[in-house]
Amino acid sequence: MMSRRTLALLVAAGSAAAFGAILAPSQATAQSWPNKPITFIVPFAAGGGTDAFARPLAVQLEAQLGQRIIIDNRAGAGGTTGASAAAKAAPDGYTFFVGAAHHAIAPALYPRLDYNIETDLVPIGLVASPPQVIVVHPTKVAAKTLGEFIAHLKANPGKLNYGSAGNGTTHHLTGELFKLQTGTNIVHVPYRGAGPALADLVAGQIDVMFDGLGSSAGQIQGGALRGLAVAAPKRSPAIPDVPTTAEAGLPGFEVATWYALWAPKGTPPEVVERMGRELRTALASQPIKDAWARNGSDIPTLMGAEFAGFLKSEIARWGKVVSEAKVGL
């Protein structure tokens, strides 16, 4: 007959084995990840602001992780098509989402979203936060200053148009905010991403954009577009001759098109933590510092829970703009 002591030892051994079995997959994941290519879902067309930061970041992370990172551009519905795909992706640590400020606007505009940006995706950290810039085609729009531009709009209501990355994006809502603050009327022309909109602006097919500096800086530097004002508290080193909106006579008009990294809900915590560490390392690297400076962005520091809190405040901010501008889709 088995003694009580022997039985207790067997139970303890079994419990330890079971506990070890529970921990084993987690430990194995942490030690072996990544062992195959990683996908970054980018919810806008190639060539836009999101791409301007996602692609250099992917190159830097590839060097750090030793695995290829594939950029999967999934444009549509103001970035919500790609966000939905990311939220439904297998949470195995090999799919991540590079979203933007647009995703803080979407909840107010799309009441029937099939995902929740706060609960279906795990926030890893802010990637970049370039300010928006009011940019015009240099021959289609004669105005050389923001004041001249506003005066022209007031004298010609509804005759100029502005392009955006799509309905519900920061480009769109910034345009509506501008109309509210200046009492002007510009016709909105939505595109499937900032890239196609910017291409049409350069080609003279549209008149104006409220664009993230990440995609417009090079065009302004090269003279293809004219920057009227940067919607930030200070001038950007990338385009130092372009005044801030406050300097140009529109105080309080400040908007940044930020970009961030998420993982699908259920991604192993060890992978999320590791990617967070790798993101911090990447943002501290000289190649990223140089690329971000060229694109007019500071190096952000909001990670994890702090970034989640920032996201919540942005959802509230843009929800108010949607309501006041009576934006409907």
C-alpha atoms as a PDB file:
ATOM      1  CA  MET A   1       0.000   0.000   0.000  1.00  0.00           C
ATOM      2  CA  MET A   2       1.348   3.491  -1.016  1.00  0.00           C
ATOM      3  CA  SER A   3       2.272   5.718   1.910  1.00  0.00           C
ATOM      4  CA  ARG A   4       0.905   9.224   2.226  1.00  0.00           C
ATOM      5  CA  ARG A   5       4.428  10.620   1.781  1.00  0.00           C
ATOM      6  CA  THR A   6       4.975   8.694  -1.458  1.00  0.00           C
ATOM      7  CA  LEU A   7       1.572   9.806  -2.769  1.00  0.00           C
ATOM      8  CA  ALA A   8       2.360  13.444  -1.927  1.00  0.00           C
ATOM      9  CA  LEU A   9       5.682  13.229  -3.739  1.00  0.00           C
ATOM     10  CA  LEU A  10       4.023  11.769  -6.829  1.00  0.00           C
ATOM     11  CA  VAL A  11       1.345  14.471  -6.850  1.00  0.00           C
ATOM     12  CA  ALA A  12       4.017  17.164  -6.487  1.00  0.00           C
ATOM     13  CA  ALA A  13       6.058  15.668  -9.306  1.00  0.00           C
ATOM     14  CA  GLY A  14       3.002  15.482 -11.524  1.00  0.00           C
ATOM     15  CA  SER A  15       2.089  19.080 -10.785  1.00  0.00           C
ATOM     16  CA  ALA A  16       5.604  20.240 -11.582  1.00  0.00           C
ATOM     17  CA  ALA A  17       5.557  18.306 -14.835  1.00  0.00           C
ATOM     18  CA  ALA A  18       2.201  19.788 -15.789  1.00  0.00           C
ATOM     19  CA  PHE A  19       3.397  23.284 -14.898  1.00  0.00           C
ATOM     20  CA  GLY A  20       6.524  22.708 -16.972  1.00  0.00           C
ATOM     21  CA  ALA A  21       4.400  21.560 -19.898  1.00  0.00           C
ATOM     22  CA  ILE A  22       2.391  24.770 -19.664  1.00  0.00           C
ATOM     23  CA  LEU A  23       5.529  26.905 -19.617  1.00  0.00           C
ATOM     24  CA  ALA A  24       7.358  24.955 -22.307  1.00  0.00           C
ATOM     25  CA  PRO A  25       5.525  26.346 -25.372  1.00  0.00           C
ATOM     26  CA  SER A  26       5.926  29.896 -24.049  1.00  0.00           C
ATOM     27  CA  GLN A  27       9.627  29.431 -23.425  1.00  0.00           C
ATOM     28  CA  ALA A  28      10.093  27.769 -26.806  1.00  0.00           C
ATOM     29  CA  THR A  29       8.311  30.654 -28.518  1.00  0.00           C
ATOM     30  CA  ALA A  30      10.503  33.223 -26.800  1.00  0.00           C
ATOM     31  CA  GLN A  31      13.691  31.350 -27.681  1.00  0.00           C
ATOM     32  CA  SER A  32      12.921  30.437 -31.300  1.00  0.00           C
ATOM     33  CA  TRP A  33      11.076  33.541 -32.539  1.00  0.00           C
ATOM     34  CA  PRO A  34      11.460  34.570 -35.285  1.00  0.00           C
ATOM     35  CA  ASN A  35      12.280  31.534 -37.378  1.00  0.00           C
ATOM     36  CA  LYS A  36      10.492  32.562 -40.594  1.00  0.00           C
ATOM     37  CA  PRO A  37       9.557  35.788 -42.451  1.00  0.00           C
ATOM     38  CA  ILE A  38       7.298  38.332 -40.721  1.00  0.00           C
ATOM     39  CA  THR A  39       4.476  40.269 -42.395  1.00  0.00           C
ATOM     40  CA  PHE A  40       3.681  43.914 -41.737  1.00  0.00           C
ATOM     41  CA  ILE A  41       0.145  44.752 -42.878  1.00  0.00           C
ATOM     42  CA  VAL A  42       0.100  48.372 -44.094  1.00  0.00           C
ATOM     43  CA  PRO A  43      -3.507  49.523 -44.645  1.00  0.00           C
ATOM     44  CA  PHE A  44      -2.802  52.029 -47.426  1.00  0.00           C
ATOM     45  CA  ALA A  45      -1.434  51.982 -50.963  1.00  0.00           C
ATOM     46  CA  ALA A  46       2.320  52.009 -51.519  1.00  0.00           C
ATOM     47  CA  GLY A  47       3.998  55.399 -51.714  1.00  0.00           C
ATOM     48  CA  GLY A  48       2.079  57.147 -48.930  1.00  0.00           C
ATOM     49  CA  GLY A  49       3.078  58.358 -45.492  1.00  0.00           C
ATOM     50  CA  THR A  50       2.633  54.976 -43.828  1.00  0.00           C
ATOM     51  CA  ASP A  51       5.000  53.408 -46.344  1.00  0.00           C
ATOM     52  CA  ALA A  52       7.522  56.203 -45.802  1.00  0.00           C
ATOM     53  CA  PHE A  53       8.029  54.962 -42.247  1.00  0.00           C
ATOM     54  CA  ALA A  54       7.028  51.275 -42.435  1.00  0.00           C
ATOM     55  CA  ARG A  55       9.572  50.352 -45.099  1.00  0.00           C
ATOM     56  CA  PRO A  56      12.711  51.859 -43.483  1.00  0.00           C
ATOM     57  CA  LEU A  57      11.588  50.393 -40.160  1.00  0.00           C
ATOM     58  CA  ALA A  58      11.188  46.966 -41.773  1.00  0.00           C
ATOM     59  CA  VAL A  59      14.711  47.166 -43.216  1.00  0.00           C
ATOM     60  CA  GLN A  60      16.173  48.041 -39.810  1.00  0.00           C
ATOM     61  CA  LEU A  61      14.207  45.313 -38.012  1.00  0.00           C
ATOM     62  CA  GLU A  62      15.276  42.762 -40.625  1.00  0.00           C
ATOM     63  CA  ALA A  63      18.895  43.518 -39.751  1.00  0.00           C
ATOM     64  CA  GLN A  64      18.164  43.139 -36.037  1.00  0.00           C
ATOM     65  CA  LEU A  65      15.985  40.019 -36.216  1.00  0.00           C
ATOM     66  CA  GLY A  66      17.717  38.172 -39.037  1.00  0.00           C
ATOM     67  CA  GLN A  67      14.437  37.518 -40.843  1.00  0.00           C
ATOM     68  CA  ARG A  68      12.781  39.087 -43.854  1.00  0.00           C
ATOM     69  CA  ILE A  69       9.835  41.445 -43.228  1.00  0.00           C
ATOM     70  CA  ILE A  70       7.217  41.529 -45.989  1.00  0.00           C
ATOM     71  CA  ILE A  71       5.151  44.699 -46.472  1.00  0.00           C
ATOM     72  CA  ASP A  72       1.554  43.760 -47.329  1.00  0.00           C
ATOM     73  CA  ASN A  73      -0.299  46.868 -48.588  1.00  0.00           C
ATOM     74  CA  ARG A  74      -4.054  46.428 -48.096  1.00  0.00           C
ATOM     75  CA  ALA A  75      -5.768  49.697 -48.987  1.00  0.00           C
ATOM     76  CA  GLY A  76      -9.425  50.592 -48.631  1.00  0.00           C
ATOM     77  CA  ALA A  77     -12.124  52.180 -46.451  1.00  0.00           C
ATOM     78  CA  GLY A  78      -9.860  54.740 -44.810  1.00  0.00           C
ATOM     79  CA  GLY A  79      -7.421  52.092 -43.612  1.00  0.00           C
ATOM     80  CA  THR A  80     -10.075  49.912 -41.958  1.00  0.00           C
ATOM     81  CA  THR A  81      -9.783  47.099 -44.523  1.00  0.00           C
ATOM     82  CA  GLY A  82      -6.178  46.469 -43.542  1.00  0.00           C
ATOM     83  CA  ALA A  83      -6.907  46.932 -39.845  1.00  0.00           C
ATOM     84  CA  SER A  84      -9.692  44.338 -40.046  1.00  0.00           C
ATOM     85  CA  ALA A  85      -7.357  41.877 -41.762  1.00  0.00           C
ATOM     86  CA  ALA A  86      -4.712  42.435 -39.088  1.00  0.00           C
ATOM     87  CA  ALA A  87      -7.218  41.972 -36.257  1.00  0.00           C
ATOM     88  CA  LYS A  88      -8.256  38.636 -37.754  1.00  0.00           C
ATOM     89  CA  ALA A  89      -4.740  37.417 -38.550  1.00  0.00           C
ATOM     90  CA  ALA A  90      -3.343  34.369 -36.784  1.00  0.00           C
ATOM     91  CA  PRO A  91      -1.776  35.586 -33.503  1.00  0.00           C
ATOM     92  CA  ASP A  92       1.358  33.522 -34.014  1.00  0.00           C
ATOM     93  CA  GLY A  93       3.865  36.353 -33.862  1.00  0.00           C
ATOM     94  CA  TYR A  94       4.400  36.559 -37.605  1.00  0.00           C
ATOM     95  CA  THR A  95       1.843  39.225 -38.521  1.00  0.00           C
ATOM     96  CA  PHE A  96       1.943  42.816 -37.269  1.00  0.00           C
ATOM     97  CA  PHE A  97      -0.018  45.921 -38.154  1.00  0.00           C
ATOM     98  CA  VAL A  98       1.481  49.317 -39.047  1.00  0.00           C
ATOM     99  CA  GLY A  99      -1.488  51.630 -38.572  1.00  0.00           C
ATOM    100  CA  ALA A 100      -1.875  55.370 -38.252  1.00  0.00           C
ATOM    101  CA  ALA A 101      -3.795  58.221 -36.677  1.00  0.00           C
ATOM    102  CA  HIS A 102      -6.578  57.399 -39.125  1.00  0.00           C
ATOM    103  CA  HIS A 103      -7.457  54.419 -36.934  1.00  0.00           C
ATOM    104  CA  ALA A 104      -8.297  56.714 -34.033  1.00  0.00           C
ATOM    105  CA  ILE A 105     -10.824  58.447 -36.316  1.00  0.00           C
ATOM    106  CA  ALA A 106     -12.450  55.310 -37.717  1.00  0.00           C
ATOM    107  CA  PRO A 107     -14.572  54.411 -34.633  1.00  0.00           C
ATOM    108  CA  ALA A 108     -16.514  57.680 -34.955  1.00  0.00           C
ATOM    109  CA  LEU A 109     -17.030  57.302 -38.703  1.00  0.00           C
ATOM    110  CA  TYR A 110     -17.627  53.583 -39.099  1.00  0.00           C
ATOM    111  CA  PRO A 111     -20.085  52.476 -36.386  1.00  0.00           C
ATOM    112  CA  ARG A 112     -20.205  48.930 -37.771  1.00  0.00           C
ATOM    113  CA  LEU A 113     -16.501  48.121 -37.805  1.00  0.00           C
ATOM    114  CA  ASP A 114     -15.864  44.405 -37.433  1.00  0.00           C
ATOM    115  CA  TYR A 115     -12.894  45.020 -35.156  1.00  0.00           C
ATOM    116  CA  ASN A 116     -12.029  47.198 -32.156  1.00  0.00           C
ATOM    117  CA  ILE A 117      -8.690  48.991 -32.415  1.00  0.00           C
ATOM    118  CA  GLU A 118      -8.356  49.075 -28.614  1.00  0.00           C
ATOM    119  CA  THR A 119      -9.220  45.450 -27.832  1.00  0.00           C
ATOM    120  CA  ASP A 120      -8.525  43.363 -30.954  1.00  0.00           C
ATOM    121  CA  LEU A 121      -4.986  44.617 -31.492  1.00  0.00           C
ATOM    122  CA  VAL A 122      -2.178  44.813 -28.934  1.00  0.00           C
ATOM    123  CA  PRO A 123      -0.340  48.169 -28.901  1.00  0.00           C
ATOM    124  CA  ILE A 124       3.408  47.822 -29.222  1.00  0.00           C
ATOM    125  CA  GLY A 125       4.465  51.408 -29.710  1.00  0.00           C
ATOM    126  CA  LEU A 126       4.457  54.657 -31.635  1.00  0.00           C
ATOM    127  CA  VAL A 127       6.688  54.499 -34.709  1.00  0.00           C
ATOM    128  CA  ALA A 128       6.707  58.113 -35.907  1.00  0.00           C
ATOM    129  CA  SER A 129       4.742  61.335 -35.504  1.00  0.00           C
ATOM    130  CA  PRO A 130       5.371  63.776 -38.364  1.00  0.00           C
ATOM    131  CA  PRO A 131       3.268  66.938 -38.426  1.00  0.00           C
ATOM    132  CA  GLN A 132       0.798  67.640 -41.195  1.00  0.00           C
ATOM    133  CA  VAL A 133       1.617  70.262 -43.788  1.00  0.00           C
ATOM    134  CA  ILE A 134      -0.751  72.306 -45.944  1.00  0.00           C
ATOM    135  CA  VAL A 135       0.643  71.751 -49.419  1.00  0.00           C
ATOM    136  CA  VAL A 136      -0.543  73.047 -52.799  1.00  0.00           C
ATOM    137  CA  HIS A 137       0.260  72.615 -56.461  1.00  0.00           C
ATOM    138  CA  PRO A 138       2.544  75.581 -57.278  1.00  0.00           C
ATOM    139  CA  THR A 139       0.938  76.545 -60.597  1.00  0.00           C
ATOM    140  CA  LYS A 140      -2.691  75.635 -59.937  1.00  0.00           C
ATOM    141  CA  VAL A 141      -2.733  77.632 -56.690  1.00  0.00           C
ATOM    142  CA  ALA A 142      -1.221  81.099 -56.953  1.00  0.00           C
ATOM    143  CA  ALA A 143      -1.187  81.784 -53.196  1.00  0.00           C
ATOM    144  CA  LYS A 144       2.303  82.034 -51.738  1.00  0.00           C
ATOM    145  CA  THR A 145       1.183  82.291 -48.105  1.00  0.00           C
ATOM    146  CA  LEU A 146      -1.479  80.691 -45.955  1.00  0.00           C
ATOM    147  CA  GLY A 147      -3.210  84.054 -45.558  1.00  0.00           C
ATOM    148  CA  GLU A 148      -3.417  84.494 -49.334  1.00  0.00           C
ATOM    149  CA  PHE A 149      -4.706  80.934 -49.676  1.00  0.00           C
ATOM    150  CA  ILE A 150      -7.499  81.435 -47.122  1.00  0.00           C
ATOM    151  CA  ALA A 151      -8.489  84.717 -48.786  1.00  0.00           C
ATOM    152  CA  HIS A 152      -8.662  82.960 -52.157  1.00  0.00           C
ATOM    153  CA  LEU A 153     -10.825  80.180 -50.724  1.00  0.00           C
ATOM    154  CA  LYS A 154     -13.252  82.662 -49.204  1.00  0.00           C
ATOM    155  CA  ALA A 155     -13.525  84.479 -52.527  1.00  0.00           C
ATOM    156  CA  ASN A 156     -14.030  81.209 -54.417  1.00  0.00           C
ATOM    157  CA  PRO A 157     -16.100  78.841 -52.222  1.00  0.00           C
ATOM    158  CA  GLY A 158     -16.269  75.282 -53.495  1.00  0.00           C
ATOM    159  CA  LYS A 159     -13.986  75.919 -56.480  1.00  0.00           C
ATOM    160  CA  LEU A 160     -10.856  74.236 -55.114  1.00  0.00           C
ATOM    161  CA  ASN A 161     -10.493  70.645 -53.980  1.00  0.00           C
ATOM    162  CA  TYR A 162      -8.282  68.745 -51.598  1.00  0.00           C
ATOM    163  CA  GLY A 163      -7.167  65.149 -51.825  1.00  0.00           C
ATOM    164  CA  SER A 164      -6.932  62.683 -48.961  1.00  0.00           C
ATOM    165  CA  ALA A 165      -5.800  59.130 -48.271  1.00  0.00           C
ATOM    166  CA  GLY A 166      -9.490  58.199 -48.063  1.00  0.00           C
ATOM    167  CA  ASN A 167     -12.672  58.906 -46.163  1.00  0.00           C
ATOM    168  CA  GLY A 168     -12.030  58.996 -42.443  1.00  0.00           C
ATOM    169  CA  THR A 169      -8.271  59.521 -42.630  1.00  0.00           C
ATOM    170  CA  THR A 170      -6.412  62.328 -40.895  1.00  0.00           C
ATOM    171  CA  HIS A 171      -5.958  63.964 -44.295  1.00  0.00           C
ATOM    172  CA  HIS A 172      -9.757  64.082 -44.627  1.00  0.00           C
ATOM    173  CA  LEU A 173     -10.532  65.188 -41.076  1.00  0.00           C
ATOM    174  CA  THR A 174      -7.728  67.763 -41.069  1.00  0.00           C
ATOM    175  CA  GLY A 175      -9.315  69.286 -44.149  1.00  0.00           C
ATOM    176  CA  GLU A 176     -12.686  69.404 -42.387  1.00  0.00           C
ATOM    177  CA  LEU A 177     -11.072  70.930 -39.298  1.00  0.00           C
ATOM    178  CA  PHE A 178      -9.408  73.541 -41.508  1.00  0.00           C
ATOM    179  CA  LYS A 179     -12.775  74.408 -43.065  1.00  0.00           C
ATOM    180  CA  LEU A 180     -14.329  74.772 -39.611  1.00  0.00           C
ATOM    181  CA  GLN A 181     -11.574  77.056 -38.320  1.00  0.00           C
ATOM    182  CA  THR A 182     -11.309  79.231 -41.420  1.00  0.00           C
ATOM    183  CA  GLY A 183     -14.952  79.333 -42.552  1.00  0.00           C
ATOM    184  CA  THR A 184     -13.998  78.125 -46.036  1.00  0.00           C
ATOM    185  CA  ASN A 185     -15.343  75.508 -48.425  1.00  0.00           C
ATOM    186  CA  ILE A 186     -13.059  73.066 -50.265  1.00  0.00           C
ATOM    187  CA  VAL A 187     -14.335  69.955 -52.037  1.00  0.00           C
ATOM    188  CA  HIS A 188     -13.016  66.656 -50.628  1.00  0.00           C
ATOM    189  CA  VAL A 189     -11.607  64.090 -53.096  1.00  0.00           C
ATOM    190  CA  PRO A 190     -10.870  60.739 -51.372  1.00  0.00           C
ATOM    191  CA  TYR A 191      -8.226  58.317 -52.693  1.00  0.00           C
ATOM    192  CA  ARG A 192      -7.144  54.813 -51.719  1.00  0.00           C
ATOM    193  CA  GLY A 193      -4.078  56.050 -49.890  1.00  0.00           C
ATOM    194  CA  ALA A 194      -1.917  59.158 -49.631  1.00  0.00           C
ATOM    195  CA  GLY A 195       0.416  57.905 -52.366  1.00  0.00           C
ATOM    196  CA  PRO A 196      -2.119  58.118 -55.226  1.00  0.00           C
ATOM    197  CA  ALA A 197      -3.462  61.434 -53.877  1.00  0.00           C
ATOM    198  CA  LEU A 198       0.025  62.924 -53.697  1.00  0.00           C
ATOM    199  CA  ALA A 199       0.806  61.726 -57.225  1.00  0.00           C
ATOM    200  CA  ASP A 200      -2.305  63.498 -58.513  1.00  0.00           C
ATOM    201  CA  LEU A 201      -1.405  66.656 -56.592  1.00  0.00           C
ATOM    202  CA  VAL A 202       2.062  66.707 -58.162  1.00  0.00           C
ATOM    203  CA  ALA A 203       0.442  66.116 -61.571  1.00  0.00           C
ATOM    204  CA  GLY A 204      -1.973  69.000 -61.025  1.00  0.00           C
ATOM    205  CA  GLN A 205      -5.107  66.857 -60.953  1.00  0.00           C
ATOM    206  CA  ILE A 206      -6.066  68.235 -57.528  1.00  0.00           C
ATOM    207  CA  ASP A 207      -5.262  71.523 -55.806  1.00  0.00           C
ATOM    208  CA  VAL A 208      -4.425  70.949 -52.146  1.00  0.00           C
ATOM    209  CA  MET A 209      -3.541  68.305 -49.572  1.00  0.00           C
ATOM    210  CA  PHE A 210      -3.332  68.301 -45.797  1.00  0.00           C
ATOM    211  CA  ASP A 211      -0.604  65.708 -45.854  1.00  0.00           C
ATOM    212  CA  GLY A 212       1.777  64.086 -43.419  1.00  0.00           C
ATOM    213  CA  LEU A 213       5.244  65.565 -43.778  1.00  0.00           C
ATOM    214  CA  GLY A 214       6.634  62.058 -44.237  1.00  0.00           C
ATOM    215  CA  SER A 215       5.282  61.839 -47.779  1.00  0.00           C
ATOM    216  CA  SER A 216       5.337  65.540 -48.753  1.00  0.00           C
ATOM    217  CA  ALA A 217       8.755  66.682 -47.498  1.00  0.00           C
ATOM    218  CA  GLY A 218      10.664  65.451 -50.547  1.00  0.00           C
ATOM    219  CA  GLN A 219       8.193  67.012 -52.970  1.00  0.00           C
ATOM    220  CA  ILE A 220       8.425  70.370 -51.169  1.00  0.00           C
ATOM    221  CA  GLN A 221      12.223  70.190 -51.035  1.00  0.00           C
ATOM    222  CA  GLY A 222      12.330  69.408 -54.755  1.00  0.00           C
ATOM    223  CA  GLY A 223       9.964  72.237 -55.691  1.00  0.00           C
ATOM    224  CA  ALA A 224       7.203  70.011 -57.079  1.00  0.00           C
ATOM    225  CA  LEU A 225       4.838  71.285 -54.376  1.00  0.00           C
ATOM    226  CA  ARG A 226       4.584  74.434 -52.263  1.00  0.00           C
ATOM    227  CA  GLY A 227       4.286  74.126 -48.500  1.00  0.00           C
ATOM    228  CA  LEU A 228       2.140  76.894 -47.009  1.00  0.00           C
ATOM    229  CA  ALA A 229       2.340  75.962 -43.319  1.00  0.00           C
ATOM    230  CA  VAL A 230       3.302  73.158 -40.969  1.00  0.00           C
ATOM    231  CA  ALA A 231       0.554  72.242 -38.476  1.00  0.00           C
ATOM    232  CA  ALA A 232       2.976  72.022 -35.548  1.00  0.00           C
ATOM    233  CA  PRO A 233       4.209  74.216 -32.678  1.00  0.00           C
ATOM    234  CA  LYS A 234       7.636  74.573 -34.280  1.00  0.00           C
ATOM    235  CA  ARG A 235       9.110  74.571 -37.767  1.00  0.00           C
ATOM    236  CA  SER A 236      10.363  71.297 -39.221  1.00  0.00           C
ATOM    237  CA  PRO A 237      14.105  70.929 -39.898  1.00  0.00           C
ATOM    238  CA  ALA A 238      13.102  69.052 -43.060  1.00  0.00           C
ATOM    239  CA  ILE A 239      11.482  72.209 -44.527  1.00  0.00           C
ATOM    240  CA  PRO A 240      12.776  75.084 -42.351  1.00  0.00           C
ATOM    241  CA  ASP A 241      11.519  77.818 -44.703  1.00  0.00           C
ATOM    242  CA  VAL A 242       7.875  76.768 -44.274  1.00  0.00           C
ATOM    243  CA  PRO A 243       6.248  78.607 -41.327  1.00  0.00           C
ATOM    244  CA  THR A 244       4.088  77.012 -38.664  1.00  0.00           C
ATOM    245  CA  THR A 245       0.327  77.518 -38.853  1.00  0.00           C
ATOM    246  CA  ALA A 246       0.548  79.878 -35.866  1.00  0.00           C
ATOM    247  CA  GLU A 247       3.237  81.949 -37.603  1.00  0.00           C
ATOM    248  CA  ALA A 248       1.096  81.980 -40.743  1.00  0.00           C
ATOM    249  CA  GLY A 249      -1.955  83.324 -38.900  1.00  0.00           C
ATOM    250  CA  LEU A 250      -3.868  80.183 -37.931  1.00  0.00           C
ATOM    251  CA  PRO A 251      -3.022  79.531 -34.238  1.00  0.00           C
ATOM    252  CA  GLY A 252      -4.253  76.334 -32.626  1.00  0.00           C
ATOM    253  CA  PHE A 253      -4.320  74.380 -35.866  1.00  0.00           C
ATOM    254  CA  GLU A 254      -1.910  71.554 -34.997  1.00  0.00           C
ATOM    255  CA  VAL A 255      -2.182  68.011 -36.362  1.00  0.00           C
ATOM    256  CA  ALA A 256       0.267  65.107 -36.575  1.00  0.00           C
ATOM    257  CA  THR A 257      -0.241  62.012 -38.699  1.00  0.00           C
ATOM    258  CA  TRP A 258       1.292  59.505 -36.321  1.00  0.00           C
ATOM    259  CA  TYR A 259       2.114  55.879 -37.160  1.00  0.00           C
ATOM    260  CA  ALA A 260       2.273  52.919 -34.807  1.00  0.00           C
ATOM    261  CA  LEU A 261       2.866  49.194 -34.521  1.00  0.00           C
ATOM    262  CA  TRP A 262       0.347  46.653 -33.212  1.00  0.00           C
ATOM    263  CA  ALA A 263       0.070  42.858 -32.973  1.00  0.00           C
ATOM    264  CA  PRO A 264      -3.135  40.790 -33.266  1.00  0.00           C
ATOM    265  CA  LYS A 265      -4.818  40.008 -29.948  1.00  0.00           C
ATOM    266  CA  GLY A 266      -3.542  36.696 -28.617  1.00  0.00           C
ATOM    267  CA  THR A 267       0.007  37.107 -29.908  1.00  0.00           C
ATOM    268  CA  PRO A 268       2.331  35.487 -27.325  1.00  0.00           C
ATOM    269  CA  PRO A 269       3.278  38.097 -24.695  1.00  0.00           C
ATOM    270  CA  GLU A 270       6.938  37.145 -25.047  1.00  0.00           C
ATOM    271  CA  VAL A 271       6.830  38.019 -28.760  1.00  0.00           C
ATOM    272  CA  VAL A 272       5.053  41.321 -28.092  1.00  0.00           C
ATOM    273  CA  GLU A 273       7.645  42.208 -25.452  1.00  0.00           C
ATOM    274  CA  ARG A 274      10.519  41.207 -27.756  1.00  0.00           C
ATOM    275  CA  MET A 275       9.130  43.246 -30.659  1.00  0.00           C
ATOM    276  CA  GLY A 276       8.756  46.199 -28.305  1.00  0.00           C
ATOM    277  CA  ARG A 277      12.426  45.935 -27.373  1.00  0.00           C
ATOM    278  CA  GLU A 278      13.414  45.621 -31.025  1.00  0.00           C
ATOM    279  CA  LEU A 279      11.305  48.667 -31.916  1.00  0.00           C
ATOM    280  CA  ARG A 280      13.080  50.742 -29.248  1.00  0.00           C
ATOM    281  CA  THR A 281      16.450  49.575 -30.577  1.00  0.00           C
ATOM    282  CA  ALA A 282      15.450  50.366 -34.157  1.00  0.00           C
ATOM    283  CA  LEU A 283      14.250  53.868 -33.271  1.00  0.00           C
ATOM    284  CA  ALA A 284      17.570  54.535 -31.542  1.00  0.00           C
ATOM    285  CA  SER A 285      19.588  53.444 -34.589  1.00  0.00           C
ATOM    286  CA  GLN A 286      21.299  56.023 -36.777  1.00  0.00           C
ATOM    287  CA  PRO A 287      19.657  54.895 -40.061  1.00  0.00           C
ATOM    288  CA  ILE A 288      16.195  55.422 -38.552  1.00  0.00           C
ATOM    289  CA  LYS A 289      17.158  58.731 -36.940  1.00  0.00           C
ATOM    290  CA  ASP A 290      18.396  59.966 -40.328  1.00  0.00           C
ATOM    291  CA  ALA A 291      15.321  58.713 -42.223  1.00  0.00           C
ATOM    292  CA  TRP A 292      12.906  60.192 -39.692  1.00  0.00           C
ATOM    293  CA  ALA A 293      14.716  63.549 -39.804  1.00  0.00           C
ATOM    294  CA  ARG A 294      14.366  63.607 -43.602  1.00  0.00           C
ATOM    295  CA  ASN A 295      10.652  62.853 -43.208  1.00  0.00           C
ATOM    296  CA  GLY A 296      10.133  65.545 -40.591  1.00  0.00           C
ATOM    297  CA  SER A 297       9.466  63.311 -37.589  1.00  0.00           C
ATOM    298  CA  ASP A 298      10.934  63.277 -34.118  1.00  0.00           C
ATOM    299  CA  ILE A 299      11.808  59.930 -32.531  1.00  0.00           C
ATOM    300  CA  PRO A 300       8.775  58.897 -30.439  1.00  0.00           C
ATOM    301  CA  THR A 301       8.960  57.275 -27.017  1.00  0.00           C
ATOM    302  CA  LEU A 302       5.375  56.129 -26.366  1.00  0.00           C
ATOM    303  CA  MET A 303       5.346  52.363 -25.931  1.00  0.00           C
ATOM    304  CA  GLY A 304       2.912  49.739 -24.645  1.00  0.00           C
ATOM    305  CA  ALA A 305       0.443  51.036 -22.064  1.00  0.00           C
ATOM    306  CA  GLU A 306       1.480  54.674 -22.559  1.00  0.00           C
ATOM    307  CA  PHE A 307       0.759  54.400 -26.253  1.00  0.00           C
ATOM    308  CA  ALA A 308      -2.602  52.752 -25.459  1.00  0.00           C
ATOM    309  CA  GLY A 309      -3.505  55.772 -23.308  1.00  0.00           C
ATOM    310  CA  PHE A 310      -2.509  58.142 -26.089  1.00  0.00           C
ATOM    311  CA  LEU A 311      -4.662  56.189 -28.539  1.00  0.00           C
ATOM    312  CA  LYS A 312      -7.683  56.546 -26.253  1.00  0.00           C
ATOM    313  CA  SER A 313      -7.209  60.315 -26.083  1.00  0.00           C
ATOM    314  CA  GLU A 314      -6.897  60.536 -29.885  1.00  0.00           C
ATOM    315  CA  ILE A 315     -10.143  58.579 -30.359  1.00  0.00           C
ATOM    316  CA  ALA A 316     -11.917  61.123 -28.139  1.00  0.00           C
ATOM    317  CA  ARG A 317     -10.306  64.104 -29.911  1.00  0.00           C
ATOM    318  CA  TRP A 318     -11.214  63.015 -33.434  1.00  0.00           C
ATOM    319  CA  GLY A 319     -14.668  61.861 -32.394  1.00  0.00           C
ATOM    320  CA  LYS A 320     -15.357  65.460 -31.401  1.00  0.00           C
ATOM    321  CA  VAL A 321     -14.140  66.767 -34.782  1.00  0.00           C
ATOM    322  CA  VAL A 322     -16.348  64.259 -36.632  1.00  0.00           C
ATOM    323  CA  SER A 323     -19.342  65.423 -34.605  1.00  0.00           C
ATOM    324  CA  GLU A 324     -18.690  69.155 -34.996  1.00  0.00           C
ATOM    325  CA  ALA A 325     -17.923  68.926 -38.721  1.00  0.00           C
ATOM    326  CA  LYS A 326     -20.947  66.660 -39.214  1.00  0.00           C
ATOM    327  CA  VAL A 327     -18.840  64.266 -41.252  1.00  0.00           C
ATOM    328  CA  GLY A 328     -20.796  61.275 -42.508  1.00  0.00           C
ATOM    329  CA  LEU A 329     -19.901  58.425 -44.840  1.00  0.00           C
END
